[in-house]
Amino acid sequence: MFGSLGGAELLLILVLALLLFGPRKLPEIGRTIGRGMSEFRKATSEFKSSLEREVDLTEVKQVRQDLTQARQEVGKTVTEAREMVIPRVDRPGPSPEREKPAAADKPDDDDRRT
């Protein structure tokens, strides 16, 4: 908790504080130090949580950018595929809907008479 302070060093500090401030002021100083440490911990945890929130928001923004880029790439691919499969109206040449029926599809004269 106190880093490299051992028991003897801590005891020496407490005795010096008792001699310097006296028995009446020492509890008040202890409470003040305790409150200060508590507020420091609270501020540290708030800073840590706000920093984590910012990092999360940055990650979310990056994911959104990646999704937007992926959507655009998929849109391009779909458009290219449609152009390959479905011919445009303004392109020259016969369209699949306007093709003439094959000779095998026409009924024969013999089929009509029976």
N, C-alpha and C. Protein backbone atom coordinates (compact mmCIF):
# COMPACT_ATOMS: atom_id res chain seq x y z
N MET A 1 0.82 -1.18 0.00
CA MET A 1 0.00 0.00 0.00
C MET A 1 0.87 1.26 0.00
N PHE A 2 1.92 1.28 0.76
CA PHE A 2 2.79 2.46 0.84
C PHE A 2 4.08 2.28 0.06
N GLY A 3 4.11 1.40 -0.89
CA GLY A 3 5.28 1.21 -1.73
C GLY A 3 6.40 0.52 -0.98
N SER A 4 7.53 1.21 -0.89
CA SER A 4 8.70 0.59 -0.28
C SER A 4 8.84 0.94 1.21
N LEU A 5 7.81 1.55 1.82
CA LEU A 5 7.87 1.86 3.25
C LEU A 5 7.64 0.59 4.06
N GLY A 6 8.51 0.37 4.99
CA GLY A 6 8.35 -0.78 5.87
C GLY A 6 7.66 -0.37 7.15
N GLY A 7 7.53 -1.29 8.05
CA GLY A 7 6.86 -1.02 9.33
C GLY A 7 7.61 0.00 10.17
N ALA A 8 8.93 -0.09 10.23
CA ALA A 8 9.72 0.83 11.04
C ALA A 8 9.65 2.25 10.49
N GLU A 9 9.70 2.41 9.17
CA GLU A 9 9.63 3.75 8.59
C GLU A 9 8.26 4.38 8.83
N LEU A 10 7.22 3.59 8.69
CA LEU A 10 5.86 4.09 8.92
C LEU A 10 5.68 4.51 10.38
N LEU A 11 6.19 3.73 11.30
CA LEU A 11 6.10 4.06 12.74
C LEU A 11 6.84 5.35 13.02
N LEU A 12 8.01 5.54 12.44
CA LEU A 12 8.78 6.77 12.62
C LEU A 12 8.01 7.98 12.11
N ILE A 13 7.35 7.87 10.97
CA ILE A 13 6.56 8.98 10.42
C ILE A 13 5.39 9.31 11.34
N LEU A 14 4.72 8.30 11.87
CA LEU A 14 3.59 8.53 12.77
C LEU A 14 4.05 9.22 14.06
N VAL A 15 5.18 8.82 14.62
CA VAL A 15 5.71 9.44 15.85
C VAL A 15 6.08 10.89 15.58
N LEU A 16 6.70 11.17 14.41
CA LEU A 16 7.05 12.54 14.08
C LEU A 16 5.80 13.41 13.90
N ALA A 17 4.76 12.87 13.26
CA ALA A 17 3.51 13.60 13.08
C ALA A 17 2.87 13.88 14.43
N LEU A 18 2.91 12.93 15.34
CA LEU A 18 2.35 13.11 16.67
C LEU A 18 3.10 14.21 17.41
N LEU A 19 4.41 14.23 17.29
CA LEU A 19 5.20 15.24 17.97
C LEU A 19 5.00 16.63 17.35
N LEU A 20 4.89 16.70 16.03
CA LEU A 20 4.74 17.99 15.36
C LEU A 20 3.35 18.60 15.55
N PHE A 21 2.30 17.79 15.40
CA PHE A 21 0.94 18.32 15.40
C PHE A 21 0.22 18.12 16.72
N GLY A 22 0.63 17.21 17.52
CA GLY A 22 -0.01 16.96 18.81
C GLY A 22 -1.17 16.01 18.69
N PRO A 23 -1.60 15.46 19.83
CA PRO A 23 -2.67 14.45 19.82
C PRO A 23 -4.04 15.01 19.43
N ARG A 24 -4.26 16.33 19.57
CA ARG A 24 -5.57 16.90 19.24
C ARG A 24 -5.74 17.12 17.73
N LYS A 25 -4.70 17.54 17.09
CA LYS A 25 -4.77 17.83 15.65
C LYS A 25 -4.60 16.59 14.78
N LEU A 26 -3.96 15.57 15.31
CA LEU A 26 -3.64 14.39 14.50
C LEU A 26 -4.89 13.71 13.92
N PRO A 27 -6.00 13.49 14.67
CA PRO A 27 -7.20 12.88 14.07
C PRO A 27 -7.80 13.74 12.94
N GLU A 28 -7.77 15.06 13.15
CA GLU A 28 -8.31 15.96 12.12
C GLU A 28 -7.46 15.89 10.85
N ILE A 29 -6.16 15.85 11.01
CA ILE A 29 -5.26 15.73 9.86
C ILE A 29 -5.47 14.39 9.16
N GLY A 30 -5.65 13.33 9.93
CA GLY A 30 -5.91 12.01 9.35
C GLY A 30 -7.19 11.99 8.53
N ARG A 31 -8.26 12.63 9.07
CA ARG A 31 -9.53 12.71 8.32
C ARG A 31 -9.35 13.50 7.03
N THR A 32 -8.62 14.61 7.11
CA THR A 32 -8.39 15.43 5.93
C THR A 32 -7.61 14.67 4.87
N ILE A 33 -6.58 13.96 5.30
CA ILE A 33 -5.80 13.16 4.35
C ILE A 33 -6.67 12.05 3.75
N GLY A 34 -7.49 11.41 4.58
CA GLY A 34 -8.39 10.36 4.09
C GLY A 34 -9.38 10.88 3.07
N ARG A 35 -9.98 12.06 3.34
CA ARG A 35 -10.92 12.66 2.38
C ARG A 35 -10.20 13.01 1.08
N GLY A 36 -9.00 13.55 1.21
CA GLY A 36 -8.23 13.90 0.01
C GLY A 36 -7.91 12.68 -0.83
N MET A 37 -7.52 11.59 -0.18
CA MET A 37 -7.24 10.35 -0.93
C MET A 37 -8.50 9.81 -1.57
N SER A 38 -9.63 9.91 -0.85
CA SER A 38 -10.89 9.43 -1.40
C SER A 38 -11.29 10.23 -2.63
N GLU A 39 -11.16 11.55 -2.56
CA GLU A 39 -11.51 12.38 -3.72
C GLU A 39 -10.54 12.13 -4.88
N PHE A 40 -9.28 11.90 -4.56
CA PHE A 40 -8.31 11.60 -5.61
C PHE A 40 -8.66 10.29 -6.32
N ARG A 41 -9.03 9.28 -5.54
CA ARG A 41 -9.45 8.00 -6.15
C ARG A 41 -10.69 8.18 -7.02
N LYS A 42 -11.64 8.97 -6.51
CA LYS A 42 -12.88 9.21 -7.26
C LYS A 42 -12.58 9.93 -8.57
N ALA A 43 -11.75 10.97 -8.50
CA ALA A 43 -11.39 11.71 -9.72
C ALA A 43 -10.64 10.82 -10.69
N THR A 44 -9.76 9.97 -10.17
CA THR A 44 -9.02 9.06 -11.02
C THR A 44 -9.95 8.07 -11.72
N SER A 45 -10.90 7.53 -10.97
CA SER A 45 -11.83 6.57 -11.59
C SER A 45 -12.74 7.26 -12.61
N GLU A 46 -13.16 8.51 -12.34
CA GLU A 46 -13.97 9.24 -13.32
C GLU A 46 -13.18 9.53 -14.59
N PHE A 47 -11.91 9.92 -14.40
CA PHE A 47 -11.06 10.18 -15.56
C PHE A 47 -10.87 8.90 -16.37
N LYS A 48 -10.65 7.81 -15.68
CA LYS A 48 -10.46 6.52 -16.35
C LYS A 48 -11.71 6.13 -17.13
N SER A 49 -12.88 6.29 -16.51
CA SER A 49 -14.11 5.90 -17.20
C SER A 49 -14.40 6.82 -18.38
N SER A 50 -14.12 8.11 -18.24
CA SER A 50 -14.34 9.01 -19.39
C SER A 50 -13.36 8.71 -20.52
N LEU A 51 -12.14 8.35 -20.17
CA LEU A 51 -11.16 7.98 -21.19
C LEU A 51 -11.59 6.70 -21.90
N GLU A 52 -12.08 5.73 -21.14
CA GLU A 52 -12.57 4.48 -21.76
C GLU A 52 -13.77 4.75 -22.65
N ARG A 53 -14.65 5.67 -22.22
CA ARG A 53 -15.80 6.04 -23.03
C ARG A 53 -15.36 6.66 -24.36
N GLU A 54 -14.37 7.54 -24.29
CA GLU A 54 -13.86 8.16 -25.51
C GLU A 54 -13.25 7.13 -26.44
N VAL A 55 -12.51 6.18 -25.87
CA VAL A 55 -11.91 5.13 -26.70
C VAL A 55 -13.00 4.31 -27.35
N ASP A 56 -14.06 3.99 -26.59
CA ASP A 56 -15.17 3.23 -27.15
C ASP A 56 -15.85 4.01 -28.27
N LEU A 57 -16.05 5.32 -28.08
CA LEU A 57 -16.67 6.14 -29.12
C LEU A 57 -15.80 6.18 -30.37
N THR A 58 -14.50 6.27 -30.17
CA THR A 58 -13.59 6.27 -31.31
C THR A 58 -13.69 4.95 -32.07
N GLU A 59 -13.77 3.84 -31.33
CA GLU A 59 -13.90 2.53 -31.97
C GLU A 59 -15.23 2.43 -32.71
N VAL A 60 -16.29 2.97 -32.12
CA VAL A 60 -17.61 2.93 -32.76
C VAL A 60 -17.58 3.74 -34.05
N LYS A 61 -16.93 4.91 -34.01
CA LYS A 61 -16.82 5.73 -35.22
C LYS A 61 -16.06 4.99 -36.31
N GLN A 62 -14.99 4.30 -35.92
CA GLN A 62 -14.20 3.55 -36.89
C GLN A 62 -15.02 2.41 -37.49
N VAL A 63 -15.79 1.73 -36.66
CA VAL A 63 -16.64 0.63 -37.15
C VAL A 63 -17.69 1.18 -38.11
N ARG A 64 -18.27 2.34 -37.77
CA ARG A 64 -19.26 2.94 -38.66
C ARG A 64 -18.65 3.30 -40.01
N GLN A 65 -17.44 3.86 -39.98
CA GLN A 65 -16.76 4.19 -41.23
C GLN A 65 -16.50 2.93 -42.04
N ASP A 66 -16.06 1.87 -41.37
CA ASP A 66 -15.80 0.61 -42.06
C ASP A 66 -17.09 0.06 -42.68
N LEU A 67 -18.20 0.14 -41.93
CA LEU A 67 -19.48 -0.35 -42.46
C LEU A 67 -19.94 0.48 -43.65
N THR A 68 -19.76 1.79 -43.58
CA THR A 68 -20.15 2.64 -44.69
C THR A 68 -19.33 2.31 -45.93
N GLN A 69 -18.05 2.12 -45.74
CA GLN A 69 -17.18 1.76 -46.86
C GLN A 69 -17.57 0.40 -47.43
N ALA A 70 -17.86 -0.56 -46.56
CA ALA A 70 -18.27 -1.89 -47.02
C ALA A 70 -19.59 -1.80 -47.78
N ARG A 71 -20.53 -0.99 -47.28
CA ARG A 71 -21.81 -0.81 -47.96
C ARG A 71 -21.61 -0.25 -49.36
N GLN A 72 -20.72 0.73 -49.47
CA GLN A 72 -20.45 1.33 -50.78
C GLN A 72 -19.84 0.31 -51.73
N GLU A 73 -18.91 -0.49 -51.22
CA GLU A 73 -18.29 -1.52 -52.07
C GLU A 73 -19.30 -2.56 -52.51
N VAL A 74 -20.19 -2.95 -51.59
CA VAL A 74 -21.22 -3.93 -51.95
C VAL A 74 -22.16 -3.32 -52.98
N GLY A 75 -22.50 -2.05 -52.79
CA GLY A 75 -23.37 -1.37 -53.76
C GLY A 75 -22.75 -1.34 -55.15
N LYS A 76 -21.46 -1.05 -55.21
CA LYS A 76 -20.77 -1.04 -56.51
C LYS A 76 -20.79 -2.44 -57.13
N THR A 77 -20.52 -3.44 -56.32
CA THR A 77 -20.49 -4.81 -56.82
C THR A 77 -21.86 -5.23 -57.33
N VAL A 78 -22.90 -4.89 -56.58
CA VAL A 78 -24.26 -5.23 -57.00
C VAL A 78 -24.61 -4.52 -58.29
N THR A 79 -24.24 -3.25 -58.41
CA THR A 79 -24.51 -2.50 -59.63
C THR A 79 -23.79 -3.12 -60.82
N GLU A 80 -22.53 -3.48 -60.62
CA GLU A 80 -21.78 -4.12 -61.70
C GLU A 80 -22.40 -5.46 -62.07
N ALA A 81 -22.85 -6.22 -61.10
CA ALA A 81 -23.46 -7.52 -61.39
C ALA A 81 -24.78 -7.34 -62.14
N ARG A 82 -25.55 -6.34 -61.74
CA ARG A 82 -26.82 -6.09 -62.44
C ARG A 82 -26.57 -5.71 -63.89
N GLU A 83 -25.56 -4.87 -64.11
CA GLU A 83 -25.27 -4.47 -65.48
C GLU A 83 -24.81 -5.65 -66.32
N MET A 84 -24.17 -6.61 -65.68
CA MET A 84 -23.72 -7.80 -66.43
C MET A 84 -24.90 -8.71 -66.73
N VAL A 85 -25.83 -8.83 -65.82
CA VAL A 85 -26.94 -9.77 -65.98
C VAL A 85 -28.11 -9.13 -66.72
N ILE A 86 -28.49 -7.95 -66.35
CA ILE A 86 -29.65 -7.29 -66.95
C ILE A 86 -29.14 -6.23 -67.91
N PRO A 87 -29.40 -6.40 -69.20
CA PRO A 87 -28.92 -5.40 -70.17
C PRO A 87 -29.69 -4.10 -70.03
N ARG A 88 -29.02 -3.00 -70.29
CA ARG A 88 -29.68 -1.70 -70.23
C ARG A 88 -30.54 -1.48 -71.47
N VAL A 89 -31.53 -0.64 -71.35
CA VAL A 89 -32.43 -0.36 -72.45
C VAL A 89 -31.71 0.44 -73.52
N ASP A 90 -30.82 1.32 -73.13
CA ASP A 90 -30.16 2.19 -74.10
C ASP A 90 -29.00 1.52 -74.81
N ARG A 91 -28.70 0.27 -74.50
CA ARG A 91 -27.64 -0.45 -75.19
C ARG A 91 -28.15 -0.99 -76.51
N PRO A 92 -27.36 -0.95 -77.54
CA PRO A 92 -27.80 -1.50 -78.83
C PRO A 92 -27.81 -3.03 -78.77
N GLY A 93 -28.61 -3.60 -79.61
CA GLY A 93 -28.68 -5.05 -79.69
C GLY A 93 -30.01 -5.57 -79.17
N PRO A 94 -30.30 -6.83 -79.45
CA PRO A 94 -31.59 -7.38 -79.03
C PRO A 94 -31.62 -7.60 -77.52
N SER A 95 -32.78 -7.35 -76.97
CA SER A 95 -32.95 -7.61 -75.55
C SER A 95 -33.56 -8.99 -75.39
N PRO A 96 -33.38 -9.64 -74.27
CA PRO A 96 -33.91 -11.00 -74.09
C PRO A 96 -35.42 -11.06 -74.18
N GLU A 97 -36.12 -9.98 -73.82
CA GLU A 97 -37.58 -10.02 -73.86
C GLU A 97 -38.10 -9.95 -75.29
N ARG A 98 -37.34 -9.38 -76.19
CA ARG A 98 -37.81 -9.17 -77.56
C ARG A 98 -37.36 -10.26 -78.53
N GLU A 99 -36.76 -11.30 -78.04
CA GLU A 99 -36.30 -12.37 -78.93
C GLU A 99 -37.50 -13.08 -79.56
N LYS A 100 -37.32 -13.50 -80.79
CA LYS A 100 -38.39 -14.21 -81.48
C LYS A 100 -38.43 -15.64 -80.99
N PRO A 101 -39.63 -16.23 -80.91
CA PRO A 101 -39.72 -17.62 -80.45
C PRO A 101 -39.05 -18.56 -81.45
N ALA A 102 -38.51 -19.62 -80.92
CA ALA A 102 -37.82 -20.62 -81.76
C ALA A 102 -38.84 -21.37 -82.61
N ALA A 103 -38.37 -21.97 -83.69
CA ALA A 103 -39.25 -22.70 -84.62
C ALA A 103 -39.90 -23.89 -83.93
N ALA A 104 -39.26 -24.48 -82.96
CA ALA A 104 -39.82 -25.65 -82.28
C ALA A 104 -41.01 -25.24 -81.43
N ASP A 105 -41.10 -23.97 -81.04
CA ASP A 105 -42.19 -23.53 -80.19
C ASP A 105 -43.47 -23.25 -80.98
N LYS A 106 -43.37 -23.09 -82.30
CA LYS A 106 -44.54 -22.82 -83.12
C LYS A 106 -45.34 -24.10 -83.32
N PRO A 107 -46.64 -24.01 -83.23
CA PRO A 107 -47.44 -25.21 -83.48
C PRO A 107 -47.44 -25.56 -84.96
N ASP A 108 -47.42 -26.83 -85.25
CA ASP A 108 -47.48 -27.31 -86.63
C ASP A 108 -48.93 -27.25 -87.14
N ASP A 109 -49.05 -27.29 -88.46
CA ASP A 109 -50.36 -27.32 -89.05
C ASP A 109 -51.08 -28.61 -88.70
N ASP A 110 -50.34 -29.70 -88.54
CA ASP A 110 -50.94 -30.99 -88.22
C ASP A 110 -51.55 -30.95 -86.83
N ASP A 111 -50.95 -30.24 -85.90
CA ASP A 111 -51.47 -30.15 -84.53
C ASP A 111 -52.79 -29.39 -84.49
N ARG A 112 -52.98 -28.47 -85.37
CA ARG A 112 -54.18 -27.68 -85.35
C ARG A 112 -55.38 -28.46 -85.88
N ARG A 113 -55.19 -29.38 -86.80
CA ARG A 113 -56.27 -30.08 -87.45
C ARG A 113 -56.84 -31.19 -86.56
N THR A 114 -56.10 -31.68 -85.67
CA THR A 114 -56.59 -32.81 -84.88
C THR A 114 -57.30 -32.40 -83.65
